[in-house]
Protein backbone atom coordinates (compact mmCIF):
# COMPACT_ATOMS: atom_id res chain seq x y z
CA MET A 1 -23.65 19.01 -7.71
CA ILE A 2 -22.84 22.62 -9.23
CA ILE A 3 -22.14 24.01 -5.18
CA GLU A 4 -20.14 21.29 -2.84
CA ALA A 5 -18.80 22.74 0.43
CA LYS A 6 -18.04 21.14 3.02
CA GLY A 7 -16.42 21.60 6.44
CA ILE A 8 -16.79 25.83 6.24
CA GLU A 9 -15.33 27.44 9.24
CA LYS A 10 -15.34 31.15 9.69
CA SER A 11 -14.43 32.62 13.38
CA PHE A 12 -13.63 36.83 13.83
CA GLY A 13 -11.89 37.49 16.28
CA ASP A 14 -13.10 34.71 19.27
CA LEU A 15 -15.93 34.67 17.84
CA LYS A 16 -16.78 31.56 15.66
CA VAL A 17 -19.19 32.46 12.97
CA LEU A 18 -19.68 28.99 11.00
CA LYS A 19 -18.49 25.87 12.52
CA GLY A 20 -18.14 23.46 10.14
CA ILE A 21 -20.52 23.90 7.25
CA ASP A 22 -22.12 21.77 5.01
CA PHE A 23 -23.71 22.39 2.19
CA GLN A 24 -24.58 20.90 -1.14
CA VAL A 25 -26.90 22.72 -4.25
CA GLY A 26 -27.98 20.97 -7.89
CA LYS A 27 -28.26 22.95 -11.38
CA SER A 28 -31.62 24.32 -11.36
CA GLU A 29 -32.59 24.29 -7.73
CA VAL A 30 -34.03 27.47 -5.53
CA VAL A 31 -33.10 27.08 -1.58
CA SER A 32 -33.45 28.92 0.67
CA ILE A 33 -31.55 30.01 3.66
CA MET A 34 -32.97 30.73 7.12
CA GLY A 35 -32.57 31.84 10.70
CA ALA A 36 -31.82 34.43 12.88
CA SER A 37 -29.67 37.38 12.40
CA GLY A 38 -25.79 36.15 13.60
CA ALA A 39 -26.83 33.00 13.02
CA GLY A 40 -24.38 33.13 9.76
CA LYS A 41 -26.85 33.24 7.06
CA SER A 42 -24.56 36.21 5.30
CA THR A 43 -21.43 35.00 5.58
CA LEU A 44 -22.18 31.58 4.77
CA LEU A 45 -23.75 33.57 1.52
CA GLN A 46 -20.47 35.05 1.11
CA ILE A 47 -17.87 32.55 1.34
CA LEU A 48 -20.13 30.81 -1.48
CA GLY A 49 -20.20 33.98 -3.76
CA THR A 50 -16.40 34.08 -3.54
CA LEU A 51 -16.41 37.38 -1.49
CA SER A 52 -15.21 36.01 1.56
CA THR A 53 -12.51 33.02 2.10
CA PRO A 54 -13.68 30.03 5.04
CA ASP A 55 -10.68 29.84 7.87
CA ALA A 56 -11.53 26.24 7.04
CA GLY A 57 -13.07 23.78 4.37
CA SER A 58 -13.34 23.39 0.81
CA LEU A 59 -15.59 24.34 -1.96
CA GLU A 60 -16.44 23.32 -5.25
CA ILE A 61 -18.00 25.79 -7.79
CA ASP A 62 -19.37 24.60 -10.83
CA GLY A 63 -16.87 22.16 -10.69
CA THR A 64 -14.32 24.58 -9.97
CA ASP A 65 -11.90 24.61 -6.31
CA VAL A 66 -12.23 28.29 -6.08
CA LEU A 67 -10.89 28.58 -3.34
CA HIS A 68 -7.01 27.36 -4.68
CA LEU A 69 -7.49 30.60 -7.31
CA GLY A 70 -5.76 33.37 -7.45
CA GLY A 71 -6.45 37.20 -7.10
CA LYS A 72 -7.89 37.78 -10.78
CA GLU A 73 -8.21 34.03 -11.72
CA LEU A 74 -11.21 34.36 -9.19
CA SER A 75 -12.90 38.19 -10.10
CA ALA A 76 -12.85 36.72 -13.38
CA PHE A 77 -14.66 33.69 -12.38
CA ARG A 78 -17.11 35.29 -9.73
CA ASN A 79 -17.86 38.30 -13.05
CA ARG A 80 -18.89 35.17 -15.17
CA ARG A 81 -20.29 32.61 -13.38
CA ILE A 82 -22.03 34.53 -10.08
CA GLY A 83 -24.69 36.42 -9.63
CA PHE A 84 -25.47 38.19 -6.97
CA VAL A 85 -28.81 40.63 -5.58
CA PHE A 86 -28.56 42.29 -2.44
CA GLN A 87 -31.67 44.12 -0.27
CA PHE A 88 -30.11 47.22 -1.07
CA HIS A 89 -29.35 47.36 -5.29
CA HIS A 90 -26.75 49.26 -5.73
CA LEU A 91 -27.21 50.36 -8.56
CA LEU A 92 -25.21 53.44 -10.09
CA PRO A 93 -27.34 56.48 -9.98
CA GLU A 94 -25.81 58.75 -12.28
CA PHE A 95 -26.54 55.99 -15.31
CA ASN A 96 -29.38 54.84 -16.62
CA ALA A 97 -31.21 51.70 -15.87
CA LEU A 98 -29.68 49.98 -19.63
CA GLU A 99 -25.66 50.78 -18.23
CA ASN A 100 -26.17 49.72 -14.95
CA VAL A 101 -26.90 45.94 -16.28
CA MET A 102 -24.77 46.18 -18.89
CA ILE A 103 -21.46 47.26 -16.32
CA PRO A 104 -20.56 43.51 -15.10
CA ALA A 105 -20.62 42.90 -19.53
CA PHE A 106 -18.39 45.67 -19.84
CA ILE A 107 -16.03 44.16 -16.84
CA ALA A 108 -16.40 40.37 -18.74
CA GLY A 109 -14.66 42.21 -22.69
CA ARG A 110 -17.40 41.73 -23.71
CA THR A 111 -18.45 44.03 -26.76
CA ASP A 112 -20.82 47.26 -26.61
CA ARG A 113 -23.16 45.66 -29.03
CA ASP A 114 -22.67 42.02 -27.26
CA ALA A 115 -23.32 44.20 -24.21
CA LYS A 116 -26.76 46.38 -25.07
CA THR A 117 -28.24 43.24 -26.52
CA ALA A 118 -27.75 41.33 -23.18
CA ALA A 119 -28.96 44.23 -21.34
CA THR A 120 -31.86 45.16 -23.25
CA THR A 121 -32.73 41.72 -23.09
CA LEU A 122 -33.44 40.66 -19.87
CA LEU A 123 -35.01 44.13 -19.28
CA LYS A 124 -37.78 43.40 -21.04
CA GLU A 125 -37.82 40.13 -20.18
CA MET A 126 -38.20 42.11 -16.26
CA GLY A 127 -41.28 44.18 -17.96
CA LEU A 128 -38.89 46.56 -17.70
CA GLY A 129 -38.76 47.57 -22.21
CA GLU A 130 -40.19 51.04 -21.66
CA ARG A 131 -37.64 52.40 -18.40
CA MET A 132 -34.09 51.75 -20.07
CA ASP A 133 -32.90 54.76 -20.18
CA HIS A 134 -34.81 55.86 -17.00
CA LYS A 135 -31.80 56.72 -13.33
CA PRO A 136 -32.76 55.09 -10.71
CA SER A 137 -34.04 58.08 -8.96
CA GLU A 138 -36.84 57.64 -11.74
CA LEU A 139 -37.90 54.55 -10.67
CA SER A 140 -39.54 52.47 -7.82
CA GLY A 141 -37.63 49.80 -5.64
CA GLY A 142 -39.51 47.08 -7.38
CA GLU A 143 -38.02 48.46 -10.74
CA GLN A 144 -34.73 48.70 -8.88
CA GLN A 145 -34.59 45.32 -7.46
CA ARG A 146 -35.34 43.84 -11.29
CA VAL A 147 -32.08 46.12 -12.93
CA ALA A 148 -29.91 44.84 -9.94
CA ILE A 149 -31.58 41.48 -10.64
CA ALA A 150 -30.74 41.78 -14.43
CA ARG A 151 -27.38 43.24 -13.87
CA ALA A 152 -26.71 39.69 -11.71
CA LEU A 153 -27.87 37.70 -14.91
CA VAL A 154 -25.97 39.34 -17.45
CA ASN A 155 -23.19 37.36 -18.19
CA GLU A 156 -25.19 34.12 -17.82
CA PRO A 157 -23.58 32.68 -14.48
CA ALA A 158 -24.24 29.52 -13.16
CA ILE A 159 -25.50 30.38 -9.30
CA LEU A 160 -27.56 34.13 -8.32
CA PHE A 161 -26.95 34.70 -4.59
CA ALA A 162 -29.25 36.59 -3.31
CA ASP A 163 -29.01 38.35 0.03
CA GLU A 164 -32.85 39.65 1.31
CA PRO A 165 -33.31 40.24 -2.03
CA SER A 166 -37.14 41.21 -1.07
CA GLY A 167 -36.57 42.86 2.27
CA ASN A 168 -37.46 46.28 1.12
CA LEU A 169 -40.53 46.18 -0.74
CA ASP A 170 -44.09 46.71 -0.59
CA THR A 171 -46.13 43.02 0.07
CA LYS A 172 -47.20 43.38 -3.39
CA THR A 173 -43.79 44.48 -4.87
CA LYS A 174 -42.31 41.23 -2.91
CA ALA A 175 -44.46 38.51 -4.21
CA GLU A 176 -43.61 40.17 -7.52
CA ILE A 177 -40.27 39.86 -7.16
CA HIS A 178 -40.18 36.23 -5.61
CA GLN A 179 -41.94 35.09 -8.57
CA LEU A 180 -39.90 36.62 -10.75
CA PHE A 181 -36.72 34.41 -9.10
CA PHE A 182 -38.82 30.71 -10.17
CA ASP A 183 -40.01 32.34 -13.59
CA LEU A 184 -35.90 33.16 -14.25
CA ARG A 185 -35.30 29.37 -12.67
CA GLU A 186 -38.75 27.58 -15.46
CA ARG A 187 -36.58 30.16 -18.64
CA HIS A 188 -32.76 29.90 -17.51
CA GLY A 189 -32.56 27.26 -15.24
CA GLN A 190 -31.02 28.89 -12.91
CA THR A 191 -29.53 27.79 -9.55
CA ILE A 192 -30.08 30.80 -7.11
CA VAL A 193 -29.44 30.32 -2.96
CA ILE A 194 -32.08 32.98 -0.80
CA VAL A 195 -30.85 34.36 2.14
CA THR A 196 -34.06 34.98 4.03
CA HIS A 197 -36.31 35.68 6.98
CA ASP A 198 -39.31 35.40 4.37
CA PRO A 199 -41.42 32.89 5.54
CA GLU A 200 -43.46 32.86 2.43
CA LEU A 201 -40.11 33.46 -0.53
CA ALA A 202 -38.38 30.01 2.06
CA ALA A 203 -42.05 27.78 1.20
CA MET A 204 -41.42 28.49 -2.52
CA CYS A 205 -38.02 26.54 -2.48
CA ASP A 206 -36.96 23.46 -3.40
CA ARG A 207 -35.33 23.07 -0.45
CA SER A 208 -34.87 25.30 2.64
CA LEU A 209 -32.62 25.31 5.54
CA PHE A 210 -32.48 26.50 8.42
CA MET A 211 -29.62 27.56 10.78
CA ARG A 212 -28.60 28.80 14.25
CA ASP A 213 -25.31 30.11 15.46
CA GLY A 214 -22.92 28.54 13.20
CA LEU A 215 -24.70 25.38 11.53
CA PHE A 216 -27.49 24.41 10.25
CA VAL A 217 -29.99 22.59 12.01
CA GLU A 218 -33.36 20.50 12.30
CA GLU A 219 -35.57 23.70 12.25
């Protein structure tokens, strides 16, 4: 298993958001997590992605016990082994598409040439070979999300986490982004965990899990 989470609990004040979650994902698997707002989906994704720490439980990612890594070790692990795609793409407006994709590679200590080669290859793969020198404001919503996906993949992470990745897109663009995730799995063997409200995207996945009140339940 590339993700092995056991007994994950998380509270915010008196509100218990996660109540003992067990979650496993195999290599190259695409899994969706569905559920109403407030069910705990995004909280779980943040913990799986090492952005938040659980109150209880254990978490291994790609063979590493991430809950026992120090701050710098954890940041380096996240930068190298985990990619994130959010509903809002969070591209830096002052940089063009190529520069936005290169940033995580620089953080990982890769050379300018290596970062540029990796970013260029990914953007061409995303169908953005002619748009690399455009800033986010000059790109459509779908193009911006493709840049964000390329940025998430530039360090060849073990896992891609996506939180409502098509929530802001029109129907046609949404379908293209959905298909892109499965193309990435075919080409790169990518493991992908997606939080979504979209039943069409969930139906495409290898497995779809449903959360209610901080636990996985039968839908």
